[in-house]
Amino acid sequence: MNLLVSEPAIPYLCECGGKYFAKRTKNCFGIFGYSGWTVYFCIENIVKFTITANMATKIQQILESNPNSSLFFGDWLTKQGLNPKEQHSYMKRGWLTRISKGVYALKGKSPTLLQTVAAYNSQLDKQCIVGAYTALELRGYSHYLSLGKPKAYLFTDKGNKLPSWIVQGEWDMAVKYMTTSFLGTGLKAVEPMAVDGGSLLVSSPERAFLECLHLPDAASSLLDMYYIMESLTTLRPKLMQSLLESCTSQKVKRLFVYMAEKAAHPWFKALKLDSVTLGTSRYMVVPTGKYIAKYNMTIPKELAEYE
């Protein structure tokens, strides 16, 4: 804050030892100071200081109520008391960095993909599900470490697509995104899970495995998926039954039942397969392979012959 002294211009020694030689202007006001001299304070600087202090207080209150958040959506910030004009001011003053229209990160922070998904769900009341292989890995069921950049399998229903800046952005994980309702439009067998300081909607092992089978490239990794099936010794038969009955993909249901029977897990015996519609038409999982008469489908030879 600048200190200005009345005419004649003489040095004013402030407590920090700095000397000020200045004249009064229309933007200053005076108070009686040391040694009988009137000291003038610059109103413009006081206003700037007050605005900065108030901004710091506002953002601090938001951070204290959301200590694990480093990404904020404009609509959500508005509900917290920061209107769009104020959000722009925070960005200009260096408090926030713009990621996309109406989306900000704290200055100096780089939110992870999963932190971003958690904020997307919680701040905008969305339901983006972390599923398939990613869910299995988060729950400790992956039998091998992924090579290269880790993948994040994300699912939404067709009426609530993820924004393009999330799907196409540069993140710490490669985004693998699908819109699907093959298990219904609700959150059946989806459970909250704390990851990277945020709360995610993560598929249960039962649902995640069905999601893996539903992936477009599933046929090329069926043996790897069977290795995972061998480790799924504690699946819940009632939940599995409910998912199989609501599943609309005959391919997924046939492959799951075949693998579960082959693995001979105790929970498989508790399934009521008479209530699961597997269909009767022949299904070619791969163009060439081994035909499994019981399920009327052709699967990779290496899976059929694996012991």
Protein backbone atom coordinates (compact mmCIF):
# COMPACT_ATOMS: atom_id res chain seq x y z
CA MET A 1 0.00 0.00 0.00
CA ASN A 2 1.46 3.42 -0.98
CA LEU A 3 1.85 6.06 1.75
CA LEU A 4 1.78 9.67 0.58
CA VAL A 5 2.77 12.73 2.67
CA SER A 6 1.48 16.28 2.46
CA GLU A 7 3.36 19.06 0.83
CA PRO A 8 6.11 20.07 1.08
CA ALA A 9 7.48 16.77 -0.18
CA ILE A 10 9.75 15.42 2.50
CA PRO A 11 10.81 11.85 3.18
CA TYR A 12 8.35 9.78 5.23
CA LEU A 13 10.10 6.88 6.94
CA CYS A 14 7.77 3.93 7.28
CA GLU A 15 8.31 1.04 9.69
CA CYS A 16 9.97 -1.07 7.02
CA GLY A 17 12.58 1.65 6.46
CA GLY A 18 11.42 2.72 3.00
CA LYS A 19 11.19 6.44 2.19
CA TYR A 20 8.30 7.92 0.23
CA PHE A 21 8.39 11.34 -1.54
CA ALA A 22 4.97 12.12 -2.91
CA LYS A 23 2.20 14.66 -3.21
CA ARG A 24 -1.46 14.38 -2.35
CA THR A 25 -3.78 13.36 -5.20
CA LYS A 26 -7.57 13.17 -5.56
CA ASN A 27 -7.41 9.39 -4.90
CA CYS A 28 -5.88 9.79 -1.44
CA PHE A 29 -7.19 10.52 2.02
CA GLY A 30 -5.19 11.62 5.03
CA ILE A 31 -4.86 10.77 8.68
CA PHE A 32 -2.70 12.45 11.29
CA GLY A 33 0.63 10.66 11.34
CA TYR A 34 3.99 10.72 13.07
CA SER A 35 5.72 13.99 14.06
CA GLY A 36 2.68 16.08 13.19
CA TRP A 37 2.68 15.20 9.51
CA THR A 38 -0.49 14.07 7.74
CA VAL A 39 -0.03 10.68 6.02
CA TYR A 40 -2.08 9.99 2.90
CA PHE A 41 -3.27 6.54 1.84
CA CYS A 42 -4.04 5.70 -1.79
CA ILE A 43 -7.71 4.68 -2.03
CA GLU A 44 -7.10 2.69 -5.24
CA ASN A 45 -4.56 0.48 -3.51
CA ILE A 46 -6.81 0.00 -0.49
CA VAL A 47 -9.69 -1.09 -2.76
CA LYS A 48 -7.42 -3.52 -4.62
CA PHE A 49 -6.16 -4.95 -1.37
CA THR A 50 -9.70 -5.33 0.00
CA ILE A 51 -10.93 -7.06 -3.18
CA THR A 52 -7.99 -9.48 -3.15
CA ALA A 53 -8.56 -10.27 0.54
CA ASN A 54 -12.28 -10.90 -0.04
CA MET A 55 -11.52 -13.14 -3.03
CA ALA A 56 -9.02 -15.11 -0.98
CA THR A 57 -11.63 -15.58 1.74
CA LYS A 58 -14.27 -16.84 -0.72
CA ILE A 59 -12.04 -19.35 -2.45
CA GLN A 60 -10.67 -20.49 0.91
CA GLN A 61 -14.19 -21.20 2.16
CA ILE A 62 -14.91 -23.29 -0.94
CA LEU A 63 -11.67 -25.23 -0.53
CA GLU A 64 -12.30 -25.86 3.16
CA SER A 65 -15.71 -27.35 2.37
CA ASN A 66 -14.24 -29.40 -0.51
CA PRO A 67 -10.68 -30.16 0.60
CA ASN A 68 -10.06 -32.87 -2.00
CA SER A 69 -11.29 -30.92 -5.01
CA SER A 70 -8.97 -29.27 -7.51
CA LEU A 71 -11.44 -29.02 -10.41
CA PHE A 72 -14.63 -26.96 -10.38
CA PHE A 73 -17.57 -26.56 -12.72
CA GLY A 74 -18.93 -23.08 -13.28
CA ASP A 75 -22.54 -24.06 -12.53
CA TRP A 76 -21.45 -25.53 -9.23
CA LEU A 77 -19.32 -22.49 -8.34
CA THR A 78 -22.37 -20.29 -8.98
CA LYS A 79 -24.28 -22.31 -6.39
CA GLN A 80 -21.41 -21.74 -3.96
CA GLY A 81 -21.73 -17.97 -4.36
CA LEU A 82 -19.35 -17.21 -7.25
CA ASN A 83 -21.25 -15.87 -10.25
CA PRO A 84 -19.76 -16.14 -13.79
CA LYS A 85 -18.31 -12.62 -13.62
CA GLU A 86 -16.53 -13.44 -10.37
CA GLN A 87 -15.29 -16.72 -11.80
CA HIS A 88 -13.74 -14.77 -14.68
CA SER A 89 -12.10 -12.42 -12.18
CA TYR A 90 -10.62 -15.34 -10.27
CA MET A 91 -9.19 -16.65 -13.55
CA LYS A 92 -7.71 -13.24 -14.49
CA ARG A 93 -6.13 -12.87 -11.06
CA GLY A 94 -4.52 -16.30 -11.24
CA TRP A 95 -6.63 -18.24 -8.75
CA LEU A 96 -8.19 -20.50 -11.40
CA THR A 97 -7.07 -21.99 -14.73
CA ARG A 98 -9.64 -22.53 -17.48
CA ILE A 99 -9.82 -26.13 -18.73
CA SER A 100 -12.91 -25.79 -20.89
CA LYS A 101 -15.89 -23.48 -21.08
CA GLY A 102 -17.25 -23.22 -17.57
CA VAL A 103 -14.65 -25.63 -16.14
CA TYR A 104 -11.72 -24.56 -13.96
CA ALA A 105 -8.80 -26.08 -12.10
CA LEU A 106 -6.99 -24.52 -9.18
CA LYS A 107 -3.91 -22.68 -10.35
CA GLY A 108 -0.93 -25.04 -10.31
CA LYS A 109 -3.07 -28.18 -9.99
CA SER A 110 -3.45 -30.90 -12.62
CA PRO A 111 -6.55 -32.98 -11.79
CA THR A 112 -6.34 -36.65 -12.72
CA LEU A 113 -8.96 -38.22 -14.95
CA LEU A 114 -10.59 -40.04 -12.05
CA GLN A 115 -10.63 -36.85 -9.94
CA THR A 116 -12.31 -35.11 -12.87
CA VAL A 117 -14.94 -37.86 -13.18
CA ALA A 118 -15.59 -37.67 -9.44
CA ALA A 119 -16.10 -33.88 -9.66
CA TYR A 120 -18.30 -34.31 -12.75
CA ASN A 121 -20.57 -36.70 -10.88
CA SER A 122 -20.73 -34.89 -7.55
CA GLN A 123 -20.91 -31.27 -8.74
CA LEU A 124 -23.27 -31.81 -11.69
CA ASP A 125 -25.25 -34.75 -10.25
CA LYS A 126 -24.19 -37.08 -13.07
CA GLN A 127 -23.74 -40.86 -13.19
CA CYS A 128 -20.55 -41.72 -15.07
CA ILE A 129 -19.56 -45.26 -14.09
CA VAL A 130 -15.99 -46.51 -13.86
CA GLY A 131 -16.30 -50.08 -15.04
CA ALA A 132 -14.90 -53.09 -16.89
CA TYR A 133 -11.14 -53.67 -16.44
CA THR A 134 -10.65 -50.40 -14.56
CA ALA A 135 -13.19 -51.39 -11.92
CA LEU A 136 -11.63 -54.84 -11.57
CA GLU A 137 -8.17 -53.31 -11.17
CA LEU A 138 -9.42 -50.84 -8.54
CA ARG A 139 -10.91 -53.78 -6.64
CA GLY A 140 -7.73 -55.84 -6.88
CA TYR A 141 -8.90 -58.45 -9.37
CA SER A 142 -6.55 -57.77 -12.25
CA HIS A 143 -4.18 -60.70 -12.77
CA TYR A 144 -1.59 -58.71 -14.70
CA LEU A 145 -0.24 -55.18 -14.91
CA SER A 146 -1.36 -53.17 -17.94
CA LEU A 147 1.44 -52.21 -20.28
CA GLY A 148 1.83 -48.57 -21.29
CA LYS A 149 -0.61 -45.86 -20.29
CA PRO A 150 -3.35 -47.18 -18.00
CA LYS A 151 -6.87 -47.23 -19.42
CA ALA A 152 -10.03 -45.88 -17.84
CA TYR A 153 -13.22 -47.62 -18.98
CA LEU A 154 -16.09 -45.21 -18.50
CA PHE A 155 -19.79 -45.86 -19.09
CA THR A 156 -22.90 -43.68 -19.25
CA ASP A 157 -26.34 -44.23 -20.68
CA LYS A 158 -27.02 -42.83 -24.13
CA GLY A 159 -29.00 -39.87 -22.81
CA ASN A 160 -26.14 -38.52 -20.66
CA LYS A 161 -23.02 -38.50 -22.80
CA LEU A 162 -19.73 -37.29 -21.37
CA PRO A 163 -18.54 -33.89 -22.67
CA SER A 164 -15.94 -34.06 -25.41
CA TRP A 165 -13.27 -32.28 -23.33
CA ILE A 166 -13.27 -35.26 -20.95
CA VAL A 167 -13.37 -37.95 -23.64
CA GLN A 168 -10.77 -36.32 -25.90
CA GLY A 169 -8.59 -34.61 -23.29
CA GLU A 170 -4.99 -35.39 -22.41
CA TRP A 171 -5.06 -37.21 -19.09
CA ASP A 172 -2.96 -39.52 -16.97
CA MET A 173 -5.13 -42.39 -18.28
CA ALA A 174 -6.37 -43.27 -21.77
CA VAL A 175 -10.14 -42.81 -21.95
CA LYS A 176 -12.17 -45.80 -23.18
CA TYR A 177 -15.74 -44.56 -23.23
CA MET A 178 -19.00 -46.31 -24.09
CA THR A 179 -22.65 -45.36 -23.96
CA THR A 180 -24.71 -48.45 -23.26
CA SER A 181 -27.76 -49.72 -21.44
CA PHE A 182 -27.25 -53.46 -21.88
CA LEU A 183 -27.62 -53.84 -18.09
CA GLY A 184 -30.41 -51.29 -17.77
CA THR A 185 -30.28 -47.54 -17.15
CA GLY A 186 -29.93 -47.58 -13.37
CA LEU A 187 -26.99 -48.13 -11.07
CA LYS A 188 -27.55 -51.81 -10.40
CA ALA A 189 -24.39 -53.40 -8.94
CA VAL A 190 -22.58 -50.03 -8.94
CA GLU A 191 -20.97 -49.06 -5.65
CA PRO A 192 -19.30 -45.85 -4.41
CA MET A 193 -15.56 -46.06 -3.94
CA ALA A 194 -13.02 -43.50 -2.66
CA VAL A 195 -10.21 -42.99 -5.18
CA ASP A 196 -7.67 -40.13 -5.35
CA GLY A 197 -9.56 -38.20 -2.69
CA GLY A 198 -12.87 -38.31 -4.57
CA SER A 199 -15.88 -40.60 -4.57
CA LEU A 200 -16.41 -42.61 -7.76
CA LEU A 201 -19.23 -44.80 -9.00
CA VAL A 202 -17.43 -48.10 -9.58
CA SER A 203 -18.93 -51.28 -10.98
CA SER A 204 -18.97 -54.25 -8.65
CA PRO A 205 -16.87 -57.26 -9.74
CA GLU A 206 -20.08 -58.95 -10.93
CA ARG A 207 -21.04 -56.06 -13.20
CA ALA A 208 -17.47 -55.22 -14.25
CA PHE A 209 -16.86 -58.68 -15.69
CA LEU A 210 -20.03 -58.47 -17.80
CA GLU A 211 -18.86 -55.05 -19.01
CA CYS A 212 -15.55 -56.59 -20.07
CA LEU A 213 -17.40 -59.18 -22.13
CA HIS A 214 -19.45 -56.41 -23.74
CA LEU A 215 -16.44 -54.41 -24.98
CA PRO A 216 -16.09 -54.20 -28.80
CA ASP A 217 -12.69 -55.93 -28.72
CA ALA A 218 -13.62 -58.58 -26.15
CA ALA A 219 -13.14 -61.48 -28.57
CA SER A 220 -9.40 -60.80 -28.80
CA SER A 221 -8.81 -61.15 -25.06
CA LEU A 222 -11.16 -63.90 -23.91
CA LEU A 223 -8.38 -66.09 -22.51
CA ASP A 224 -7.09 -63.18 -20.42
CA MET A 225 -10.63 -62.64 -19.20
CA TYR A 226 -10.88 -66.26 -18.22
CA TYR A 227 -7.76 -65.86 -16.09
CA ILE A 228 -9.65 -63.11 -14.24
CA MET A 229 -12.72 -65.34 -13.96
CA GLU A 230 -10.60 -67.93 -12.16
CA SER A 231 -9.88 -65.34 -9.44
CA LEU A 232 -13.54 -64.35 -8.96
CA THR A 233 -14.17 -66.85 -6.20
CA THR A 234 -16.46 -64.64 -4.07
CA LEU A 235 -19.05 -63.31 -6.50
CA ARG A 236 -22.50 -62.88 -4.99
CA PRO A 237 -24.92 -65.29 -6.70
CA LYS A 238 -28.06 -63.22 -5.98
CA LEU A 239 -26.53 -60.12 -7.49
CA MET A 240 -25.12 -62.11 -10.40
CA GLN A 241 -28.52 -63.65 -11.01
CA SER A 242 -30.17 -60.24 -11.11
CA LEU A 243 -27.58 -58.90 -13.57
CA LEU A 244 -27.87 -61.90 -15.88
CA GLU A 245 -31.66 -61.61 -15.96
CA SER A 246 -31.51 -57.90 -16.86
CA CYS A 247 -28.67 -58.30 -19.41
CA THR A 248 -29.86 -57.82 -23.00
CA SER A 249 -26.76 -59.25 -24.71
CA GLN A 250 -26.96 -62.96 -25.45
CA LYS A 251 -23.27 -62.99 -26.34
CA VAL A 252 -22.33 -61.64 -22.91
CA LYS A 253 -24.61 -64.08 -21.08
CA ARG A 254 -23.41 -67.15 -22.97
CA LEU A 255 -19.73 -66.29 -22.54
CA PHE A 256 -20.19 -65.57 -18.85
CA VAL A 257 -22.07 -68.79 -18.12
CA TYR A 258 -19.57 -70.82 -20.14
CA MET A 259 -16.59 -69.34 -18.27
CA ALA A 260 -18.24 -69.59 -14.85
CA GLU A 261 -19.11 -73.24 -15.43
CA LYS A 262 -15.58 -73.96 -16.69
CA ALA A 263 -14.05 -72.31 -13.59
CA ALA A 264 -16.36 -74.41 -11.36
CA HIS A 265 -16.78 -71.77 -8.66
CA PRO A 266 -19.16 -72.75 -5.82
CA TRP A 267 -21.35 -69.68 -6.45
CA PHE A 268 -22.09 -70.92 -9.98
CA LYS A 269 -24.20 -73.76 -8.58
CA ALA A 270 -26.45 -71.20 -6.87
CA LEU A 271 -27.40 -69.53 -10.16
CA LYS A 272 -30.86 -70.31 -11.55
CA LEU A 273 -30.01 -70.54 -15.23
CA ASP A 274 -33.56 -71.51 -16.17
CA SER A 275 -34.45 -67.87 -15.51
CA VAL A 276 -31.68 -66.57 -17.79
CA THR A 277 -32.50 -66.28 -21.48
CA LEU A 278 -29.46 -67.40 -23.46
CA GLY A 279 -31.11 -67.65 -26.86
CA THR A 280 -30.99 -70.50 -29.35
CA SER A 281 -29.41 -69.02 -32.48
CA ARG A 282 -25.82 -69.90 -33.27
CA TYR A 283 -23.28 -67.27 -32.25
CA MET A 284 -19.82 -66.85 -33.75
CA VAL A 285 -17.68 -65.13 -31.14
CA VAL A 286 -14.74 -65.56 -33.52
CA PRO A 287 -14.81 -66.52 -37.23
CA THR A 288 -12.77 -69.67 -36.64
CA GLY A 289 -12.32 -71.57 -33.42
CA LYS A 290 -13.97 -74.38 -31.52
CA TYR A 291 -17.71 -74.97 -31.50
CA ILE A 292 -19.32 -75.41 -28.07
CA ALA A 293 -22.55 -77.31 -28.70
CA LYS A 294 -24.06 -76.71 -25.22
CA TYR A 295 -24.04 -72.94 -25.74
CA ASN A 296 -24.28 -73.05 -29.55
CA MET A 297 -21.32 -70.74 -30.08
CA THR A 298 -17.82 -70.77 -31.55
CA ILE A 299 -15.08 -69.48 -29.26
CA PRO A 300 -11.29 -69.13 -29.57
CA LYS A 301 -9.57 -72.52 -29.60
CA GLU A 302 -7.09 -71.49 -26.90
CA LEU A 303 -9.92 -70.73 -24.50
CA ALA A 304 -11.77 -73.96 -25.20
CA GLU A 305 -8.61 -76.06 -24.72
CA TYR A 306 -7.28 -74.21 -21.67
CA GLU A 307 -7.16 -76.39 -18.57
